[in-house]
Amino acid sequence: MTPVTRLLRRLLRTRLLAVTVTGSSMEPVLHDGDRVLVRRRPRVLAPGSVVVLRPPSPGPDGPAVDAERPGDGEDVLVLRRASKSAPGLLIKRVAAVPGDPVPAALTACLGCPLGTVVPSGRLLVLGDNSDHSVDSRHFGYIPDDEVVGVAVRLLRTRGAGGEVSGALGVALCASRRRP
Protein backbone atom coordinates (compact mmCIF):
# COMPACT_ATOMS: atom_id res chain seq x y z
CA MET A 1 0.00 0.00 0.00
CA THR A 2 1.37 3.38 -0.98
CA PRO A 3 1.75 6.22 1.54
CA VAL A 4 -0.94 8.21 -0.29
CA THR A 5 -3.38 5.29 -0.05
CA ARG A 6 -2.65 4.89 3.66
CA LEU A 7 -3.19 8.60 4.24
CA LEU A 8 -6.47 8.54 2.31
CA ARG A 9 -7.71 5.49 4.26
CA ARG A 10 -6.79 7.15 7.57
CA LEU A 11 -8.57 10.36 6.55
CA LEU A 12 -11.72 8.47 5.54
CA ARG A 13 -11.73 6.50 8.81
CA THR A 14 -11.68 9.72 10.82
CA ARG A 15 -14.74 11.02 8.94
CA LEU A 16 -16.73 7.88 8.15
CA LEU A 17 -17.75 4.72 9.97
CA ALA A 18 -19.48 1.59 8.65
CA VAL A 19 -21.80 -0.11 11.14
CA THR A 20 -23.76 -3.35 11.01
CA VAL A 21 -27.32 -3.22 12.33
CA THR A 22 -28.11 -5.81 14.99
CA GLY A 23 -31.68 -6.39 16.07
CA SER A 24 -35.09 -5.23 14.89
CA SER A 25 -35.50 -1.85 16.63
CA MET A 26 -35.23 0.10 13.35
CA GLU A 27 -37.45 -2.09 11.16
CA PRO A 28 -38.91 -1.64 8.58
CA VAL A 29 -36.19 0.78 7.39
CA LEU A 30 -33.14 -1.08 8.71
CA HIS A 31 -32.96 -4.82 9.29
CA ASP A 32 -30.65 -7.10 11.24
CA GLY A 33 -27.46 -7.48 9.18
CA ASP A 34 -27.81 -4.25 7.17
CA ARG A 35 -24.62 -2.20 6.76
CA VAL A 36 -24.87 1.59 7.14
CA LEU A 37 -22.35 4.32 6.33
CA VAL A 38 -22.15 6.93 9.11
CA ARG A 39 -20.64 10.43 8.95
CA ARG A 40 -18.80 11.09 12.20
CA ARG A 41 -19.10 14.38 14.09
CA PRO A 42 -22.37 15.64 12.60
CA ARG A 43 -22.68 19.42 12.30
CA VAL A 44 -26.45 19.60 12.57
CA LEU A 45 -28.94 17.10 13.92
CA ALA A 46 -32.54 17.26 12.78
CA PRO A 47 -35.67 15.34 13.72
CA GLY A 48 -35.96 12.31 11.44
CA SER A 49 -32.19 11.81 11.10
CA VAL A 50 -30.91 8.33 11.84
CA VAL A 51 -28.03 8.56 14.32
CA VAL A 52 -25.50 6.22 15.86
CA LEU A 53 -24.86 6.87 19.54
CA ARG A 54 -23.07 5.42 22.54
CA PRO A 55 -25.30 3.14 24.62
CA PRO A 56 -26.24 3.83 28.21
CA SER A 57 -24.15 2.08 30.82
CA PRO A 58 -26.42 -0.38 32.64
CA GLY A 59 -27.01 0.23 36.31
CA PRO A 60 -27.99 -2.35 38.93
CA ASP A 61 -31.69 -1.64 38.30
CA GLY A 62 -31.61 -1.56 34.50
CA PRO A 63 -30.70 1.26 32.09
CA ALA A 64 -28.70 4.08 33.64
CA VAL A 65 -30.64 7.27 34.20
CA ASP A 66 -29.54 10.26 36.27
CA ALA A 67 -31.58 13.24 37.39
CA GLU A 68 -29.95 16.55 36.56
CA ARG A 69 -31.25 20.04 37.29
CA PRO A 70 -30.74 22.41 34.36
CA GLY A 71 -30.61 26.17 34.85
CA ASP A 72 -34.38 26.65 34.99
CA GLY A 73 -34.76 24.22 37.94
CA GLU A 74 -36.86 21.54 36.19
CA ASP A 75 -35.95 17.88 36.65
CA VAL A 76 -34.56 16.36 33.47
CA LEU A 77 -33.60 12.75 32.86
CA VAL A 78 -30.10 12.57 31.42
CA LEU A 79 -28.31 9.51 30.12
CA ARG A 80 -25.07 8.69 31.97
CA ARG A 81 -22.00 8.48 29.77
CA ALA A 82 -21.37 4.92 28.60
CA SER A 83 -18.30 3.17 29.90
CA LYS A 84 -15.49 2.42 27.45
CA SER A 85 -16.18 -1.29 27.86
CA ALA A 86 -19.84 -0.95 26.81
CA PRO A 87 -20.51 -3.24 23.85
CA GLY A 88 -21.54 -1.79 20.51
CA LEU A 89 -23.45 1.33 19.58
CA LEU A 90 -27.14 2.16 19.22
CA ILE A 91 -28.82 3.26 16.00
CA LYS A 92 -32.00 5.32 16.45
CA ARG A 93 -34.01 8.08 14.82
CA VAL A 94 -33.93 11.60 16.28
CA ALA A 95 -37.41 12.44 17.60
CA ALA A 96 -36.66 15.95 18.89
CA VAL A 97 -33.70 18.34 19.16
CA PRO A 98 -33.08 21.26 21.57
CA GLY A 99 -35.92 23.77 21.40
CA ASP A 100 -38.40 21.30 19.87
CA PRO A 101 -41.47 20.35 21.88
CA VAL A 102 -41.23 16.92 23.50
CA PRO A 103 -43.37 14.59 21.34
CA ALA A 104 -46.69 13.74 23.00
CA ALA A 105 -45.78 10.03 22.91
CA LEU A 106 -42.82 10.76 25.21
CA THR A 107 -44.28 13.22 27.73
CA ALA A 108 -45.71 10.51 30.01
CA CYS A 109 -42.50 8.45 29.84
CA LEU A 110 -40.41 11.49 30.76
CA GLY A 111 -42.87 12.76 33.35
CA CYS A 112 -43.16 16.20 31.76
CA PRO A 113 -46.26 18.21 30.80
CA LEU A 114 -47.36 18.80 27.22
CA GLY A 115 -45.57 21.79 25.74
CA THR A 116 -42.23 21.01 27.41
CA VAL A 117 -39.29 21.72 25.11
CA VAL A 118 -36.13 19.65 24.77
CA PRO A 119 -33.35 21.34 26.79
CA SER A 120 -30.18 22.65 25.22
CA GLY A 121 -27.53 19.99 24.58
CA ARG A 122 -30.06 17.14 24.71
CA LEU A 123 -31.89 14.92 22.19
CA LEU A 124 -34.75 12.48 22.19
CA VAL A 125 -34.39 9.33 20.07
CA LEU A 126 -36.78 6.54 19.13
CA GLY A 127 -36.50 3.25 17.29
CA ASP A 128 -38.76 2.88 14.25
CA ASN A 129 -40.09 -0.43 15.64
CA SER A 130 -41.38 0.77 19.01
CA ASP A 131 -42.37 -2.72 20.19
CA HIS A 132 -38.73 -3.87 19.96
CA SER A 133 -36.78 -0.72 20.78
CA VAL A 134 -35.07 0.56 23.91
CA ASP A 135 -34.86 4.31 23.41
CA SER A 136 -35.71 7.66 25.04
CA ARG A 137 -38.93 6.14 26.38
CA HIS A 138 -36.65 4.04 28.61
CA PHE A 139 -33.58 6.20 29.24
CA GLY A 140 -34.78 9.76 28.72
CA TYR A 141 -32.86 12.64 27.17
CA ILE A 142 -29.54 11.90 25.48
CA PRO A 143 -26.63 14.37 25.73
CA ASP A 144 -25.88 15.44 22.16
CA ASP A 145 -22.18 14.65 22.65
CA GLU A 146 -23.11 10.94 22.89
CA VAL A 147 -23.95 10.97 19.15
CA VAL A 148 -21.14 9.31 17.20
CA GLY A 149 -22.51 10.22 13.79
CA VAL A 150 -25.41 10.45 11.34
CA ALA A 151 -26.31 7.62 8.99
CA VAL A 152 -25.92 8.86 5.42
CA ARG A 153 -26.25 5.78 3.27
CA LEU A 154 -27.38 2.18 3.37
CA LEU A 155 -24.47 0.13 2.05
CA ARG A 156 -25.92 -3.35 2.03
CA THR A 157 -29.22 -4.89 3.00
CA ARG A 158 -30.49 -8.42 3.53
CA GLY A 159 -33.65 -9.39 1.67
CA ALA A 160 -36.55 -11.34 3.14
CA GLY A 161 -34.89 -14.64 2.20
CA GLY A 162 -31.58 -13.62 3.76
CA GLU A 163 -29.89 -12.84 0.43
CA VAL A 164 -27.50 -9.89 0.40
CA SER A 165 -28.15 -7.13 -2.10
CA GLY A 166 -26.29 -3.92 -2.75
CA ALA A 167 -28.22 -0.78 -1.95
CA LEU A 168 -25.69 1.96 -2.66
CA GLY A 169 -27.34 5.28 -3.12
CA VAL A 170 -30.39 4.54 -0.97
CA ALA A 171 -30.88 7.49 1.36
CA LEU A 172 -31.93 6.72 4.92
CA CYS A 173 -34.01 9.86 5.12
CA ALA A 174 -36.49 8.59 2.50
CA SER A 175 -38.81 7.15 5.13
CA ARG A 176 -38.62 9.88 7.73
CA ARG A 177 -41.37 9.94 10.28
CA ARG A 178 -42.04 12.10 13.27
CA PRO A 179 -43.34 10.46 16.44
C-alpha atoms as a PDB file:
ATOM      1  CA  MET A   1       0.000   0.000   0.000  1.00  0.00           C
ATOM      2  CA  THR A   2       1.368   3.381  -0.981  1.00  0.00           C
ATOM      3  CA  PRO A   3       1.745   6.220   1.536  1.00  0.00           C
ATOM      4  CA  VAL A   4      -0.941   8.206  -0.289  1.00  0.00           C
ATOM      5  CA  THR A   5      -3.378   5.286  -0.053  1.00  0.00           C
ATOM      6  CA  ARG A   6      -2.654   4.887   3.658  1.00  0.00           C
ATOM      7  CA  LEU A   7      -3.194   8.596   4.237  1.00  0.00           C
ATOM      8  CA  LEU A   8      -6.468   8.535   2.307  1.00  0.00           C
ATOM      9  CA  ARG A   9      -7.712   5.491   4.259  1.00  0.00           C
ATOM     10  CA  ARG A  10      -6.793   7.150   7.571  1.00  0.00           C
ATOM     11  CA  LEU A  11      -8.566  10.362   6.547  1.00  0.00           C
ATOM     12  CA  LEU A  12     -11.724   8.473   5.535  1.00  0.00           C
ATOM     13  CA  ARG A  13     -11.733   6.498   8.805  1.00  0.00           C
ATOM     14  CA  THR A  14     -11.677   9.720  10.819  1.00  0.00           C
ATOM     15  CA  ARG A  15     -14.737  11.017   8.939  1.00  0.00           C
ATOM     16  CA  LEU A  16     -16.728   7.876   8.153  1.00  0.00           C
ATOM     17  CA  LEU A  17     -17.754   4.718   9.968  1.00  0.00           C
ATOM     18  CA  ALA A  18     -19.482   1.588   8.648  1.00  0.00           C
ATOM     19  CA  VAL A  19     -21.796  -0.113  11.138  1.00  0.00           C
ATOM     20  CA  THR A  20     -23.761  -3.351  11.009  1.00  0.00           C
ATOM     21  CA  VAL A  21     -27.322  -3.216  12.330  1.00  0.00           C
ATOM     22  CA  THR A  22     -28.107  -5.814  14.994  1.00  0.00           C
ATOM     23  CA  GLY A  23     -31.678  -6.388  16.066  1.00  0.00           C
ATOM     24  CA  SER A  24     -35.088  -5.226  14.892  1.00  0.00           C
ATOM     25  CA  SER A  25     -35.504  -1.849  16.628  1.00  0.00           C
ATOM     26  CA  MET A  26     -35.227   0.104  13.354  1.00  0.00           C
ATOM     27  CA  GLU A  27     -37.452  -2.090  11.162  1.00  0.00           C
ATOM     28  CA  PRO A  28     -38.907  -1.640   8.580  1.00  0.00           C
ATOM     29  CA  VAL A  29     -36.191   0.782   7.388  1.00  0.00           C
ATOM     30  CA  LEU A  30     -33.141  -1.081   8.714  1.00  0.00           C
ATOM     31  CA  HIS A  31     -32.959  -4.819   9.289  1.00  0.00           C
ATOM     32  CA  ASP A  32     -30.650  -7.105  11.240  1.00  0.00           C
ATOM     33  CA  GLY A  33     -27.455  -7.476   9.181  1.00  0.00           C
ATOM     34  CA  ASP A  34     -27.812  -4.247   7.170  1.00  0.00           C
ATOM     35  CA  ARG A  35     -24.616  -2.199   6.765  1.00  0.00           C
ATOM     36  CA  VAL A  36     -24.866   1.585   7.138  1.00  0.00           C
ATOM     37  CA  LEU A  37     -22.350   4.320   6.334  1.00  0.00           C
ATOM     38  CA  VAL A  38     -22.148   6.930   9.110  1.00  0.00           C
ATOM     39  CA  ARG A  39     -20.641  10.426   8.951  1.00  0.00           C
ATOM     40  CA  ARG A  40     -18.804  11.094  12.203  1.00  0.00           C
ATOM     41  CA  ARG A  41     -19.103  14.381  14.092  1.00  0.00           C
ATOM     42  CA  PRO A  42     -22.367  15.644  12.602  1.00  0.00           C
ATOM     43  CA  ARG A  43     -22.680  19.417  12.300  1.00  0.00           C
ATOM     44  CA  VAL A  44     -26.450  19.598  12.567  1.00  0.00           C
ATOM     45  CA  LEU A  45     -28.938  17.096  13.924  1.00  0.00           C
ATOM     46  CA  ALA A  46     -32.541  17.258  12.785  1.00  0.00           C
ATOM     47  CA  PRO A  47     -35.674  15.342  13.718  1.00  0.00           C
ATOM     48  CA  GLY A  48     -35.960  12.315  11.445  1.00  0.00           C
ATOM     49  CA  SER A  49     -32.194  11.807  11.103  1.00  0.00           C
ATOM     50  CA  VAL A  50     -30.905   8.326  11.837  1.00  0.00           C
ATOM     51  CA  VAL A  51     -28.031   8.562  14.322  1.00  0.00           C
ATOM     52  CA  VAL A  52     -25.498   6.216  15.863  1.00  0.00           C
ATOM     53  CA  LEU A  53     -24.858   6.868  19.543  1.00  0.00           C
ATOM     54  CA  ARG A  54     -23.075   5.418  22.538  1.00  0.00           C
ATOM     55  CA  PRO A  55     -25.304   3.136  24.617  1.00  0.00           C
ATOM     56  CA  PRO A  56     -26.244   3.831  28.213  1.00  0.00           C
ATOM     57  CA  SER A  57     -24.145   2.079  30.819  1.00  0.00           C
ATOM     58  CA  PRO A  58     -26.420  -0.377  32.637  1.00  0.00           C
ATOM     59  CA  GLY A  59     -27.012   0.228  36.311  1.00  0.00           C
ATOM     60  CA  PRO A  60     -27.995  -2.354  38.928  1.00  0.00           C
ATOM     61  CA  ASP A  61     -31.694  -1.644  38.302  1.00  0.00           C
ATOM     62  CA  GLY A  62     -31.606  -1.561  34.497  1.00  0.00           C
ATOM     63  CA  PRO A  63     -30.698   1.265  32.085  1.00  0.00           C
ATOM     64  CA  ALA A  64     -28.703   4.081  33.643  1.00  0.00           C
ATOM     65  CA  VAL A  65     -30.639   7.271  34.197  1.00  0.00           C
ATOM     66  CA  ASP A  66     -29.541  10.262  36.266  1.00  0.00           C
ATOM     67  CA  ALA A  67     -31.581  13.238  37.393  1.00  0.00           C
ATOM     68  CA  GLU A  68     -29.947  16.552  36.563  1.00  0.00           C
ATOM     69  CA  ARG A  69     -31.249  20.039  37.286  1.00  0.00           C
ATOM     70  CA  PRO A  70     -30.741  22.412  34.364  1.00  0.00           C
ATOM     71  CA  GLY A  71     -30.609  26.165  34.853  1.00  0.00           C
ATOM     72  CA  ASP A  72     -34.383  26.645  34.993  1.00  0.00           C
ATOM     73  CA  GLY A  73     -34.763  24.224  37.936  1.00  0.00           C
ATOM     74  CA  GLU A  74     -36.855  21.545  36.194  1.00  0.00           C
ATOM     75  CA  ASP A  75     -35.945  17.879  36.654  1.00  0.00           C
ATOM     76  CA  VAL A  76     -34.559  16.357  33.466  1.00  0.00           C
ATOM     77  CA  LEU A  77     -33.596  12.749  32.859  1.00  0.00           C
ATOM     78  CA  VAL A  78     -30.096  12.574  31.415  1.00  0.00           C
ATOM     79  CA  LEU A  79     -28.306   9.510  30.122  1.00  0.00           C
ATOM     80  CA  ARG A  80     -25.071   8.691  31.967  1.00  0.00           C
ATOM     81  CA  ARG A  81     -21.996   8.479  29.774  1.00  0.00           C
ATOM     82  CA  ALA A  82     -21.372   4.925  28.601  1.00  0.00           C
ATOM     83  CA  SER A  83     -18.297   3.175  29.900  1.00  0.00           C
ATOM     84  CA  LYS A  84     -15.488   2.420  27.448  1.00  0.00           C
ATOM     85  CA  SER A  85     -16.178  -1.287  27.864  1.00  0.00           C
ATOM     86  CA  ALA A  86     -19.839  -0.949  26.811  1.00  0.00           C
ATOM     87  CA  PRO A  87     -20.505  -3.236  23.852  1.00  0.00           C
ATOM     88  CA  GLY A  88     -21.542  -1.792  20.509  1.00  0.00           C
ATOM     89  CA  LEU A  89     -23.449   1.327  19.580  1.00  0.00           C
ATOM     90  CA  LEU A  90     -27.138   2.155  19.223  1.00  0.00           C
ATOM     91  CA  ILE A  91     -28.816   3.261  16.004  1.00  0.00           C
ATOM     92  CA  LYS A  92     -31.999   5.316  16.449  1.00  0.00           C
ATOM     93  CA  ARG A  93     -34.009   8.079  14.816  1.00  0.00           C
ATOM     94  CA  VAL A  94     -33.930  11.603  16.285  1.00  0.00           C
ATOM     95  CA  ALA A  95     -37.408  12.439  17.596  1.00  0.00           C
ATOM     96  CA  ALA A  96     -36.655  15.947  18.891  1.00  0.00           C
ATOM     97  CA  VAL A  97     -33.700  18.341  19.160  1.00  0.00           C
ATOM     98  CA  PRO A  98     -33.085  21.263  21.567  1.00  0.00           C
ATOM     99  CA  GLY A  99     -35.924  23.775  21.399  1.00  0.00           C
ATOM    100  CA  ASP A 100     -38.401  21.303  19.872  1.00  0.00           C
ATOM    101  CA  PRO A 101     -41.468  20.348  21.878  1.00  0.00           C
ATOM    102  CA  VAL A 102     -41.232  16.919  23.503  1.00  0.00           C
ATOM    103  CA  PRO A 103     -43.367  14.586  21.339  1.00  0.00           C
ATOM    104  CA  ALA A 104     -46.693  13.743  23.000  1.00  0.00           C
ATOM    105  CA  ALA A 105     -45.785  10.032  22.910  1.00  0.00           C
ATOM    106  CA  LEU A 106     -42.822  10.761  25.213  1.00  0.00           C
ATOM    107  CA  THR A 107     -44.283  13.220  27.730  1.00  0.00           C
ATOM    108  CA  ALA A 108     -45.714  10.513  30.005  1.00  0.00           C
ATOM    109  CA  CYS A 109     -42.502   8.447  29.841  1.00  0.00           C
ATOM    110  CA  LEU A 110     -40.415  11.489  30.762  1.00  0.00           C
ATOM    111  CA  GLY A 111     -42.866  12.757  33.347  1.00  0.00           C
ATOM    112  CA  CYS A 112     -43.155  16.197  31.762  1.00  0.00           C
ATOM    113  CA  PRO A 113     -46.259  18.208  30.797  1.00  0.00           C
ATOM    114  CA  LEU A 114     -47.364  18.799  27.219  1.00  0.00           C
ATOM    115  CA  GLY A 115     -45.566  21.787  25.739  1.00  0.00           C
ATOM    116  CA  THR A 116     -42.229  21.008  27.411  1.00  0.00           C
ATOM    117  CA  VAL A 117     -39.288  21.717  25.107  1.00  0.00           C
ATOM    118  CA  VAL A 118     -36.127  19.652  24.773  1.00  0.00           C
ATOM    119  CA  PRO A 119     -33.353  21.345  26.788  1.00  0.00           C
ATOM    120  CA  SER A 120     -30.178  22.650  25.218  1.00  0.00           C
ATOM    121  CA  GLY A 121     -27.529  19.989  24.581  1.00  0.00           C
ATOM    122  CA  ARG A 122     -30.065  17.136  24.713  1.00  0.00           C
ATOM    123  CA  LEU A 123     -31.891  14.925  22.188  1.00  0.00           C
ATOM    124  CA  LEU A 124     -34.750  12.479  22.190  1.00  0.00           C
ATOM    125  CA  VAL A 125     -34.394   9.335  20.069  1.00  0.00           C
ATOM    126  CA  LEU A 126     -36.781   6.535  19.132  1.00  0.00           C
ATOM    127  CA  GLY A 127     -36.498   3.252  17.287  1.00  0.00           C
ATOM    128  CA  ASP A 128     -38.761   2.876  14.245  1.00  0.00           C
ATOM    129  CA  ASN A 129     -40.091  -0.429  15.645  1.00  0.00           C
ATOM    130  CA  SER A 130     -41.384   0.773  19.010  1.00  0.00           C
ATOM    131  CA  ASP A 131     -42.374  -2.722  20.194  1.00  0.00           C
ATOM    132  CA  HIS A 132     -38.731  -3.868  19.959  1.00  0.00           C
ATOM    133  CA  SER A 133     -36.776  -0.715  20.781  1.00  0.00           C
ATOM    134  CA  VAL A 134     -35.069   0.558  23.906  1.00  0.00           C
ATOM    135  CA  ASP A 135     -34.859   4.308  23.407  1.00  0.00           C
ATOM    136  CA  SER A 136     -35.707   7.658  25.035  1.00  0.00           C
ATOM    137  CA  ARG A 137     -38.928   6.141  26.381  1.00  0.00           C
ATOM    138  CA  HIS A 138     -36.646   4.036  28.608  1.00  0.00           C
ATOM    139  CA  PHE A 139     -33.585   6.201  29.236  1.00  0.00           C
ATOM    140  CA  GLY A 140     -34.776   9.763  28.723  1.00  0.00           C
ATOM    141  CA  TYR A 141     -32.863  12.635  27.175  1.00  0.00           C
ATOM    142  CA  ILE A 142     -29.537  11.904  25.478  1.00  0.00           C
ATOM    143  CA  PRO A 143     -26.630  14.369  25.734  1.00  0.00           C
ATOM    144  CA  ASP A 144     -25.876  15.441  22.159  1.00  0.00           C
ATOM    145  CA  ASP A 145     -22.178  14.651  22.650  1.00  0.00           C
ATOM    146  CA  GLU A 146     -23.107  10.942  22.888  1.00  0.00           C
ATOM    147  CA  VAL A 147     -23.946  10.969  19.155  1.00  0.00           C
ATOM    148  CA  VAL A 148     -21.137   9.312  17.197  1.00  0.00           C
ATOM    149  CA  GLY A 149     -22.509  10.220  13.787  1.00  0.00           C
ATOM    150  CA  VAL A 150     -25.406  10.452  11.345  1.00  0.00           C
ATOM    151  CA  ALA A 151     -26.307   7.618   8.986  1.00  0.00           C
ATOM    152  CA  VAL A 152     -25.920   8.863   5.425  1.00  0.00           C
ATOM    153  CA  ARG A 153     -26.254   5.779   3.266  1.00  0.00           C
ATOM    154  CA  LEU A 154     -27.381   2.180   3.369  1.00  0.00           C
ATOM    155  CA  LEU A 155     -24.466   0.127   2.050  1.00  0.00           C
ATOM    156  CA  ARG A 156     -25.925  -3.354   2.025  1.00  0.00           C
ATOM    157  CA  THR A 157     -29.225  -4.890   3.000  1.00  0.00           C
ATOM    158  CA  ARG A 158     -30.493  -8.418   3.529  1.00  0.00           C
ATOM    159  CA  GLY A 159     -33.647  -9.388   1.670  1.00  0.00           C
ATOM    160  CA  ALA A 160     -36.552 -11.336   3.144  1.00  0.00           C
ATOM    161  CA  GLY A 161     -34.894 -14.638   2.201  1.00  0.00           C
ATOM    162  CA  GLY A 162     -31.580 -13.618   3.765  1.00  0.00           C
ATOM    163  CA  GLU A 163     -29.890 -12.839   0.425  1.00  0.00           C
ATOM    164  CA  VAL A 164     -27.505  -9.891   0.402  1.00  0.00           C
ATOM    165  CA  SER A 165     -28.148  -7.131  -2.098  1.00  0.00           C
ATOM    166  CA  GLY A 166     -26.286  -3.920  -2.748  1.00  0.00           C
ATOM    167  CA  ALA A 167     -28.216  -0.779  -1.952  1.00  0.00           C
ATOM    168  CA  LEU A 168     -25.691   1.957  -2.664  1.00  0.00           C
ATOM    169  CA  GLY A 169     -27.343   5.282  -3.122  1.00  0.00           C
ATOM    170  CA  VAL A 170     -30.392   4.540  -0.973  1.00  0.00           C
ATOM    171  CA  ALA A 171     -30.878   7.487   1.361  1.00  0.00           C
ATOM    172  CA  LEU A 172     -31.930   6.722   4.917  1.00  0.00           C
ATOM    173  CA  CYS A 173     -34.014   9.861   5.125  1.00  0.00           C
ATOM    174  CA  ALA A 174     -36.486   8.594   2.497  1.00  0.00           C
ATOM    175  CA  SER A 175     -38.812   7.147   5.129  1.00  0.00           C
ATOM    176  CA  ARG A 176     -38.624   9.880   7.732  1.00  0.00           C
ATOM    177  CA  ARG A 177     -41.371   9.941  10.276  1.00  0.00           C
ATOM    178  CA  ARG A 178     -42.038  12.097  13.266  1.00  0.00           C
ATOM    179  CA  PRO A 179     -43.342  10.458  16.444  1.00  0.00           C
END
